[in-house]
Amino acid sequence: MASDRRFSYNGLKNFNGYGTKTPFLIGVAGGTASGKSTVCSRIMEKLGQDEIDHRQRQVVCISQDSFYRELNPAESIKASKGLFNFDHPDAFDNQLILKTLQDILDGRVCKIPVYDFKTNSRKLDEFVTIYPADVLLFEGILVFYFPEIREVFHMKLFVDTDADTRLSRRVLRDIRERGRDLEQVLAQYTTLVKPAFEEFCLPTKKFADVIIPRGADNTVAIGLIVQHIRDIVICNANLTGSRGSFLQSAAMMSS
């Protein structure tokens, strides 16, 4: 499906047929609370992208969590009791994920749903707008599970964090941010989250181009990835003579 869009930045101009450059797509997978979003945040920070207006960013990040599908009434009841498996591949709107990634490859402006974890539903009439960029980070627990989605990425990263750390982070996050109680979080982790990780997420580790042990604490790995992204964007800027402002912020990366 994506073979005609895949490319390498080897000094050649890469266009998508719509008059714009084909962005470099990076998939970031890993278990729940492994530090995927933190890794992406560190990358954005080191590239100076976290302080730039979202309409002007050359590097953008999207979470798979935004693409949880709408639940039917029976599933909503299960979710309210902590019995719905949000770590299963079928919990996501995978067709929307694929369409969004394809639209991004085509250089189109995209609207991303906003998911409310307290109500287990999408927020009505609320979206995040993603503008064309040079690099896209797409992070989530199962971004490598479906071949059609996995093959879209030009680079694949897997954040590898030990189970105890992931559990403690999950407990704190779900209680503080998602309104869950401790008993429900632990029961959900034992019966749904851990088995789903072992069955669906962990086997996709073999598809990664780069494995990042210890997540965001691995500054060496993040530094190498940042340098690679910087090289890609600089190559693009030199080829097109555009986005010179990014070169200045990227040059400050290691300071």
C-alpha atoms as a PDB file:
ATOM      1  CA  MET A   1       0.000   0.000   0.000  1.00  0.00           C
ATOM      2  CA  ALA A   2       2.706   2.497   1.011  1.00  0.00           C
ATOM      3  CA  SER A   3       5.489   1.296  -1.277  1.00  0.00           C
ATOM      4  CA  ASP A   4       5.039   4.196  -3.699  1.00  0.00           C
ATOM      5  CA  ARG A   5       5.312   6.724  -0.860  1.00  0.00           C
ATOM      6  CA  ARG A   6       8.287   5.281   1.015  1.00  0.00           C
ATOM      7  CA  PHE A   7      11.617   6.913   0.389  1.00  0.00           C
ATOM      8  CA  SER A   8      14.975   7.760   1.880  1.00  0.00           C
ATOM      9  CA  TYR A   9      16.460  11.206   2.262  1.00  0.00           C
ATOM     10  CA  ASN A  10      19.535  10.677   0.106  1.00  0.00           C
ATOM     11  CA  GLY A  11      19.854  14.081  -1.480  1.00  0.00           C
ATOM     12  CA  LEU A  12      16.875  13.644  -3.787  1.00  0.00           C
ATOM     13  CA  LYS A  13      13.730  15.739  -3.664  1.00  0.00           C
ATOM     14  CA  ASN A  14      10.788  13.715  -2.445  1.00  0.00           C
ATOM     15  CA  PHE A  15       7.299  14.811  -3.380  1.00  0.00           C
ATOM     16  CA  ASN A  16       3.937  13.173  -2.862  1.00  0.00           C
ATOM     17  CA  GLY A  17       2.157  14.079  -6.096  1.00  0.00           C
ATOM     18  CA  TYR A  18       0.252  16.950  -4.474  1.00  0.00           C
ATOM     19  CA  GLY A  19       2.944  19.584  -4.971  1.00  0.00           C
ATOM     20  CA  THR A  20       4.269  19.299  -1.424  1.00  0.00           C
ATOM     21  CA  LYS A  21       7.057  17.318   0.206  1.00  0.00           C
ATOM     22  CA  THR A  22       6.377  13.877   1.578  1.00  0.00           C
ATOM     23  CA  PRO A  23       6.832  14.081   5.367  1.00  0.00           C
ATOM     24  CA  PHE A  24       9.048  11.611   7.221  1.00  0.00           C
ATOM     25  CA  LEU A  25       6.793   9.444   9.422  1.00  0.00           C
ATOM     26  CA  ILE A  26       8.154   7.950  12.642  1.00  0.00           C
ATOM     27  CA  GLY A  27       6.146   5.378  14.602  1.00  0.00           C
ATOM     28  CA  VAL A  28       6.798   5.187  18.358  1.00  0.00           C
ATOM     29  CA  ALA A  29       5.448   2.040  20.032  1.00  0.00           C
ATOM     30  CA  GLY A  30       5.763   0.498  23.494  1.00  0.00           C
ATOM     31  CA  GLY A  31       3.715  -0.764  26.405  1.00  0.00           C
ATOM     32  CA  THR A  32       1.249   1.314  28.364  1.00  0.00           C
ATOM     33  CA  ALA A  33       2.977   4.060  30.391  1.00  0.00           C
ATOM     34  CA  SER A  34       6.363   3.068  28.956  1.00  0.00           C
ATOM     35  CA  GLY A  35       7.232   6.701  28.287  1.00  0.00           C
ATOM     36  CA  LYS A  36       6.323   7.003  24.605  1.00  0.00           C
ATOM     37  CA  SER A  37       4.789  10.454  24.891  1.00  0.00           C
ATOM     38  CA  THR A  38       7.678  11.602  27.098  1.00  0.00           C
ATOM     39  CA  VAL A  39      10.196  10.406  24.514  1.00  0.00           C
ATOM     40  CA  CYS A  40       8.302  12.345  21.847  1.00  0.00           C
ATOM     41  CA  SER A  41       8.205  15.417  24.100  1.00  0.00           C
ATOM     42  CA  ARG A  42      11.970  15.223  24.649  1.00  0.00           C
ATOM     43  CA  ILE A  43      12.507  15.017  20.895  1.00  0.00           C
ATOM     44  CA  MET A  44      10.246  18.027  20.324  1.00  0.00           C
ATOM     45  CA  GLU A  45      12.027  19.993  23.069  1.00  0.00           C
ATOM     46  CA  LYS A  46      15.516  19.272  21.754  1.00  0.00           C
ATOM     47  CA  LEU A  47      14.443  20.380  18.301  1.00  0.00           C
ATOM     48  CA  GLY A  48      12.964  23.590  19.690  1.00  0.00           C
ATOM     49  CA  GLN A  49       9.513  22.647  18.439  1.00  0.00           C
ATOM     50  CA  ASP A  50       7.644  22.765  21.742  1.00  0.00           C
ATOM     51  CA  GLU A  51       7.664  26.578  21.800  1.00  0.00           C
ATOM     52  CA  ILE A  52       6.669  27.097  18.155  1.00  0.00           C
ATOM     53  CA  ASP A  53       3.093  27.820  17.075  1.00  0.00           C
ATOM     54  CA  HIS A  54       1.484  24.534  16.058  1.00  0.00           C
ATOM     55  CA  ARG A  55       0.726  25.907  12.587  1.00  0.00           C
ATOM     56  CA  GLN A  56       4.427  26.473  11.919  1.00  0.00           C
ATOM     57  CA  ARG A  57       6.009  23.367  13.397  1.00  0.00           C
ATOM     58  CA  GLN A  58       8.233  21.218  11.202  1.00  0.00           C
ATOM     59  CA  VAL A  59       7.926  18.298  13.626  1.00  0.00           C
ATOM     60  CA  VAL A  60       4.510  17.322  14.998  1.00  0.00           C
ATOM     61  CA  CYS A  61       3.323  14.556  17.307  1.00  0.00           C
ATOM     62  CA  ILE A  62       0.043  12.625  17.315  1.00  0.00           C
ATOM     63  CA  SER A  63      -1.091  10.001  19.831  1.00  0.00           C
ATOM     64  CA  GLN A  64      -2.912   6.804  18.944  1.00  0.00           C
ATOM     65  CA  ASP A  65      -5.030   7.494  22.035  1.00  0.00           C
ATOM     66  CA  SER A  66      -6.859  10.156  20.021  1.00  0.00           C
ATOM     67  CA  PHE A  67      -8.243   7.421  17.786  1.00  0.00           C
ATOM     68  CA  TYR A  68     -10.153   5.276  20.265  1.00  0.00           C
ATOM     69  CA  ARG A  69     -13.410   4.403  18.559  1.00  0.00           C
ATOM     70  CA  GLU A  70     -16.851   5.276  19.844  1.00  0.00           C
ATOM     71  CA  LEU A  71     -18.292   2.624  22.157  1.00  0.00           C
ATOM     72  CA  ASN A  72     -21.755   1.162  21.862  1.00  0.00           C
ATOM     73  CA  PRO A  73     -24.036   1.296  24.961  1.00  0.00           C
ATOM     74  CA  ALA A  74     -23.019  -2.155  26.220  1.00  0.00           C
ATOM     75  CA  GLU A  75     -19.321  -1.346  25.807  1.00  0.00           C
ATOM     76  CA  SER A  76     -19.781   1.989  27.576  1.00  0.00           C
ATOM     77  CA  ILE A  77     -21.218   0.215  30.605  1.00  0.00           C
ATOM     78  CA  LYS A  78     -18.264  -2.178  30.640  1.00  0.00           C
ATOM     79  CA  ALA A  79     -15.843   0.733  30.321  1.00  0.00           C
ATOM     80  CA  SER A  80     -17.409   2.537  33.283  1.00  0.00           C
ATOM     81  CA  LYS A  81     -16.717  -0.567  35.368  1.00  0.00           C
ATOM     82  CA  GLY A  82     -13.162  -0.963  34.097  1.00  0.00           C
ATOM     83  CA  LEU A  83     -14.081  -4.076  32.134  1.00  0.00           C
ATOM     84  CA  PHE A  84     -13.573  -2.841  28.567  1.00  0.00           C
ATOM     85  CA  ASN A  85     -10.191  -3.663  27.043  1.00  0.00           C
ATOM     86  CA  PHE A  86      -8.746  -0.402  25.732  1.00  0.00           C
ATOM     87  CA  ASP A  87      -5.451  -2.190  25.000  1.00  0.00           C
ATOM     88  CA  HIS A  88      -6.983  -4.472  22.360  1.00  0.00           C
ATOM     89  CA  PRO A  89      -6.395  -3.684  18.654  1.00  0.00           C
ATOM     90  CA  ASP A  90     -10.151  -3.480  18.068  1.00  0.00           C
ATOM     91  CA  ALA A  91     -10.480  -0.616  20.562  1.00  0.00           C
ATOM     92  CA  PHE A  92      -9.099   1.802  17.964  1.00  0.00           C
ATOM     93  CA  ASP A  93     -10.617   3.324  14.847  1.00  0.00           C
ATOM     94  CA  ASN A  94      -7.888   1.851  12.677  1.00  0.00           C
ATOM     95  CA  GLN A  95      -9.428   2.951   9.390  1.00  0.00           C
ATOM     96  CA  LEU A  96      -9.376   6.554  10.600  1.00  0.00           C
ATOM     97  CA  ILE A  97      -5.752   6.146  11.696  1.00  0.00           C
ATOM     98  CA  LEU A  98      -4.765   4.872   8.269  1.00  0.00           C
ATOM     99  CA  LYS A  99      -6.699   7.599   6.454  1.00  0.00           C
ATOM    100  CA  THR A 100      -5.158  10.287   8.652  1.00  0.00           C
ATOM    101  CA  LEU A 101      -1.624   9.036   8.046  1.00  0.00           C
ATOM    102  CA  GLN A 102      -2.268   8.876   4.317  1.00  0.00           C
ATOM    103  CA  ASP A 103      -3.634  12.427   4.341  1.00  0.00           C
ATOM    104  CA  ILE A 104      -0.542  13.577   6.241  1.00  0.00           C
ATOM    105  CA  LEU A 105       1.672  11.884   3.659  1.00  0.00           C
ATOM    106  CA  ASP A 106      -0.265  13.759   0.991  1.00  0.00           C
ATOM    107  CA  GLY A 107       0.501  17.051   2.722  1.00  0.00           C
ATOM    108  CA  ARG A 108      -3.080  17.782   3.725  1.00  0.00           C
ATOM    109  CA  VAL A 109      -4.375  19.563   6.799  1.00  0.00           C
ATOM    110  CA  CYS A 110      -5.946  16.986   9.150  1.00  0.00           C
ATOM    111  CA  LYS A 111      -8.374  17.186  12.047  1.00  0.00           C
ATOM    112  CA  ILE A 112      -7.652  14.776  14.912  1.00  0.00           C
ATOM    113  CA  PRO A 113     -10.406  13.725  17.359  1.00  0.00           C
ATOM    114  CA  VAL A 114     -10.078  14.601  21.041  1.00  0.00           C
ATOM    115  CA  TYR A 115     -10.809  11.643  23.340  1.00  0.00           C
ATOM    116  CA  ASP A 116     -12.180  12.121  26.852  1.00  0.00           C
ATOM    117  CA  PHE A 117     -10.899   9.334  29.107  1.00  0.00           C
ATOM    118  CA  LYS A 118     -13.268  10.262  31.914  1.00  0.00           C
ATOM    119  CA  THR A 119     -16.366   9.691  29.767  1.00  0.00           C
ATOM    120  CA  ASN A 120     -14.746   7.107  27.450  1.00  0.00           C
ATOM    121  CA  SER A 121     -15.953   8.990  24.386  1.00  0.00           C
ATOM    122  CA  ARG A 122     -14.839  11.549  21.826  1.00  0.00           C
ATOM    123  CA  LYS A 123     -15.524  15.180  22.626  1.00  0.00           C
ATOM    124  CA  LEU A 124     -18.236  16.486  20.335  1.00  0.00           C
ATOM    125  CA  ASP A 125     -17.165  19.123  17.812  1.00  0.00           C
ATOM    126  CA  GLU A 126     -13.655  19.297  19.275  1.00  0.00           C
ATOM    127  CA  PHE A 127     -10.604  18.522  17.145  1.00  0.00           C
ATOM    128  CA  VAL A 128      -6.878  19.203  16.983  1.00  0.00           C
ATOM    129  CA  THR A 129      -5.740  20.545  13.618  1.00  0.00           C
ATOM    130  CA  ILE A 130      -2.507  19.124  12.214  1.00  0.00           C
ATOM    131  CA  TYR A 131      -0.784  21.183   9.544  1.00  0.00           C
ATOM    132  CA  PRO A 132       1.732  19.849   6.974  1.00  0.00           C
ATOM    133  CA  ALA A 133       5.170  19.264   8.493  1.00  0.00           C
ATOM    134  CA  ASP A 134       8.518  17.722   7.625  1.00  0.00           C
ATOM    135  CA  VAL A 135       8.391  15.041  10.334  1.00  0.00           C
ATOM    136  CA  LEU A 136       5.517  13.315  12.121  1.00  0.00           C
ATOM    137  CA  LEU A 137       5.838  11.353  15.369  1.00  0.00           C
ATOM    138  CA  PHE A 138       2.923   8.941  15.836  1.00  0.00           C
ATOM    139  CA  GLU A 139       2.977   7.232  19.232  1.00  0.00           C
ATOM    140  CA  GLY A 140       0.832   4.495  20.735  1.00  0.00           C
ATOM    141  CA  ILE A 141       0.780   1.006  22.190  1.00  0.00           C
ATOM    142  CA  LEU A 142      -0.245  -0.725  18.972  1.00  0.00           C
ATOM    143  CA  VAL A 143       1.023   1.477  16.149  1.00  0.00           C
ATOM    144  CA  PHE A 144       2.957  -1.486  14.684  1.00  0.00           C
ATOM    145  CA  TYR A 145       0.212  -4.092  15.097  1.00  0.00           C
ATOM    146  CA  PHE A 146      -1.613  -3.717  11.784  1.00  0.00           C
ATOM    147  CA  PRO A 147       0.659  -4.203   8.737  1.00  0.00           C
ATOM    148  CA  GLU A 148      -1.214  -1.570   6.715  1.00  0.00           C
ATOM    149  CA  ILE A 149      -0.420   1.056   9.346  1.00  0.00           C
ATOM    150  CA  ARG A 150       3.046  -0.249  10.216  1.00  0.00           C
ATOM    151  CA  GLU A 151       4.224  -0.074   6.606  1.00  0.00           C
ATOM    152  CA  VAL A 152       3.435   3.635   6.395  1.00  0.00           C
ATOM    153  CA  PHE A 153       6.270   4.551   8.786  1.00  0.00           C
ATOM    154  CA  HIS A 154       9.716   5.359   7.478  1.00  0.00           C
ATOM    155  CA  MET A 155      11.268   4.759  10.907  1.00  0.00           C
ATOM    156  CA  LYS A 156       9.960   2.670  13.802  1.00  0.00           C
ATOM    157  CA  LEU A 157      10.962   3.148  17.456  1.00  0.00           C
ATOM    158  CA  PHE A 158      10.030   0.918  20.409  1.00  0.00           C
ATOM    159  CA  VAL A 159      10.225   2.322  23.939  1.00  0.00           C
ATOM    160  CA  ASP A 160      11.246  -0.560  26.213  1.00  0.00           C
ATOM    161  CA  THR A 161      10.564   0.000  29.923  1.00  0.00           C
ATOM    162  CA  ASP A 162      10.363  -2.615  32.691  1.00  0.00           C
ATOM    163  CA  ALA A 163       6.940  -3.836  33.817  1.00  0.00           C
ATOM    164  CA  ASP A 164       7.139  -2.495  37.389  1.00  0.00           C
ATOM    165  CA  THR A 165       7.863   1.016  36.172  1.00  0.00           C
ATOM    166  CA  ARG A 166       5.042   0.869  33.645  1.00  0.00           C
ATOM    167  CA  LEU A 167       2.576  -0.352  36.282  1.00  0.00           C
ATOM    168  CA  SER A 168       3.451   2.378  38.779  1.00  0.00           C
ATOM    169  CA  ARG A 169       3.137   5.051  36.090  1.00  0.00           C
ATOM    170  CA  ARG A 170      -0.167   3.617  34.884  1.00  0.00           C
ATOM    171  CA  VAL A 171      -1.615   3.640  38.398  1.00  0.00           C
ATOM    172  CA  LEU A 172      -0.628   7.261  39.020  1.00  0.00           C
ATOM    173  CA  ARG A 173      -1.814   8.426  35.596  1.00  0.00           C
ATOM    174  CA  ASP A 174      -5.194   6.716  35.677  1.00  0.00           C
ATOM    175  CA  ILE A 175      -5.975   7.945  39.187  1.00  0.00           C
ATOM    176  CA  ARG A 176      -4.799  11.527  38.685  1.00  0.00           C
ATOM    177  CA  GLU A 177      -5.814  12.158  35.080  1.00  0.00           C
ATOM    178  CA  ARG A 178      -8.602   9.732  34.297  1.00  0.00           C
ATOM    179  CA  GLY A 179     -10.622   9.631  37.493  1.00  0.00           C
ATOM    180  CA  ARG A 180     -10.117   5.928  38.248  1.00  0.00           C
ATOM    181  CA  ASP A 181      -9.784   4.346  41.678  1.00  0.00           C
ATOM    182  CA  LEU A 182      -6.818   2.189  42.716  1.00  0.00           C
ATOM    183  CA  GLU A 183      -8.733  -1.085  42.938  1.00  0.00           C
ATOM    184  CA  GLN A 184     -10.175  -0.638  39.457  1.00  0.00           C
ATOM    185  CA  VAL A 185      -6.795   0.283  37.949  1.00  0.00           C
ATOM    186  CA  LEU A 186      -5.028  -2.734  39.449  1.00  0.00           C
ATOM    187  CA  ALA A 187      -7.804  -5.133  38.439  1.00  0.00           C
ATOM    188  CA  GLN A 188      -7.828  -3.745  34.908  1.00  0.00           C
ATOM    189  CA  TYR A 189      -4.053  -4.030  34.653  1.00  0.00           C
ATOM    190  CA  THR A 190      -4.000  -7.638  35.822  1.00  0.00           C
ATOM    191  CA  THR A 191      -6.916  -8.928  33.766  1.00  0.00           C
ATOM    192  CA  LEU A 192      -6.722  -6.784  30.615  1.00  0.00           C
ATOM    193  CA  VAL A 193      -3.674  -4.556  30.247  1.00  0.00           C
ATOM    194  CA  LYS A 194      -0.877  -7.024  31.035  1.00  0.00           C
ATOM    195  CA  PRO A 195      -2.300  -9.889  28.916  1.00  0.00           C
ATOM    196  CA  ALA A 196      -2.935  -7.476  26.029  1.00  0.00           C
ATOM    197  CA  PHE A 197       0.633  -6.188  26.215  1.00  0.00           C
ATOM    198  CA  GLU A 198       2.023  -9.713  26.036  1.00  0.00           C
ATOM    199  CA  GLU A 199      -0.294 -10.769  23.209  1.00  0.00           C
ATOM    200  CA  PHE A 200      -0.492  -7.674  21.022  1.00  0.00           C
ATOM    201  CA  CYS A 201       2.175  -5.080  21.876  1.00  0.00           C
ATOM    202  CA  LEU A 202       5.325  -6.985  22.843  1.00  0.00           C
ATOM    203  CA  PRO A 203       5.411  -9.112  19.653  1.00  0.00           C
ATOM    204  CA  THR A 204       5.580  -5.911  17.571  1.00  0.00           C
ATOM    205  CA  LYS A 205       8.925  -5.033  19.154  1.00  0.00           C
ATOM    206  CA  LYS A 206      10.613  -7.075  16.432  1.00  0.00           C
ATOM    207  CA  PHE A 207       9.447  -4.574  13.812  1.00  0.00           C
ATOM    208  CA  ALA A 208      11.313  -1.669  15.429  1.00  0.00           C
ATOM    209  CA  ASP A 209      14.330  -0.126  13.730  1.00  0.00           C
ATOM    210  CA  VAL A 210      15.498   1.293  17.052  1.00  0.00           C
ATOM    211  CA  ILE A 211      14.712   0.024  20.566  1.00  0.00           C
ATOM    212  CA  ILE A 212      14.986   2.614  23.344  1.00  0.00           C
ATOM    213  CA  PRO A 213      15.665   0.981  26.735  1.00  0.00           C
ATOM    214  CA  ARG A 214      14.603   3.068  29.764  1.00  0.00           C
ATOM    215  CA  GLY A 215      12.564   5.440  27.627  1.00  0.00           C
ATOM    216  CA  ALA A 216      13.168   9.160  28.083  1.00  0.00           C
ATOM    217  CA  ASP A 217      15.989   8.460  30.558  1.00  0.00           C
ATOM    218  CA  ASN A 218      18.048   7.137  27.639  1.00  0.00           C
ATOM    219  CA  THR A 219      19.495  10.461  26.585  1.00  0.00           C
ATOM    220  CA  VAL A 220      22.042   8.862  24.249  1.00  0.00           C
ATOM    221  CA  ALA A 221      19.376   7.131  22.150  1.00  0.00           C
ATOM    222  CA  ILE A 222      17.185  10.232  22.072  1.00  0.00           C
ATOM    223  CA  GLY A 223      20.164  12.356  21.058  1.00  0.00           C
ATOM    224  CA  LEU A 224      20.929  10.074  18.112  1.00  0.00           C
ATOM    225  CA  ILE A 225      17.294  10.098  16.997  1.00  0.00           C
ATOM    226  CA  VAL A 226      17.145  13.884  17.278  1.00  0.00           C
ATOM    227  CA  GLN A 227      20.286  14.190  15.174  1.00  0.00           C
ATOM    228  CA  HIS A 228      18.755  11.973  12.497  1.00  0.00           C
ATOM    229  CA  ILE A 229      15.562  14.043  12.438  1.00  0.00           C
ATOM    230  CA  ARG A 230      17.622  17.216  12.292  1.00  0.00           C
ATOM    231  CA  ASP A 231      19.547  15.874   9.292  1.00  0.00           C
ATOM    232  CA  ILE A 232      16.269  15.050   7.527  1.00  0.00           C
ATOM    233  CA  VAL A 233      14.813  18.503   8.054  1.00  0.00           C
ATOM    234  CA  ILE A 234      18.031  20.284   7.111  1.00  0.00           C
ATOM    235  CA  CYS A 235      18.226  18.171   3.952  1.00  0.00           C
ATOM    236  CA  ASN A 236      14.663  19.172   3.091  1.00  0.00           C
ATOM    237  CA  ALA A 237      15.341  22.835   3.792  1.00  0.00           C
ATOM    238  CA  ASN A 238      18.490  22.845   1.668  1.00  0.00           C
ATOM    239  CA  LEU A 239      16.696  21.180  -1.228  1.00  0.00           C
ATOM    240  CA  THR A 240      13.748  23.555  -1.208  1.00  0.00           C
ATOM    241  CA  GLY A 241      15.344  26.694   0.188  1.00  0.00           C
ATOM    242  CA  SER A 242      12.588  26.938   2.810  1.00  0.00           C
ATOM    243  CA  ARG A 243      12.054  26.858   6.571  1.00  0.00           C
ATOM    244  CA  GLY A 244      15.355  28.488   7.385  1.00  0.00           C
ATOM    245  CA  SER A 245      14.109  29.421  10.841  1.00  0.00           C
ATOM    246  CA  PHE A 246      14.160  25.787  11.840  1.00  0.00           C
ATOM    247  CA  LEU A 247      17.862  25.514  11.047  1.00  0.00           C
ATOM    248  CA  GLN A 248      18.623  28.041  13.756  1.00  0.00           C
ATOM    249  CA  SER A 249      16.584  26.255  16.414  1.00  0.00           C
ATOM    250  CA  ALA A 250      17.934  22.870  15.330  1.00  0.00           C
ATOM    251  CA  ALA A 251      21.489  24.161  15.535  1.00  0.00           C
ATOM    252  CA  MET A 252      20.838  25.045  19.182  1.00  0.00           C
ATOM    253  CA  MET A 253      19.708  21.490  19.888  1.00  0.00           C
ATOM    254  CA  SER A 254      22.875  20.313  21.584  1.00  0.00           C
ATOM    255  CA  SER A 255      23.431  23.462  23.632  1.00  0.00           C
END
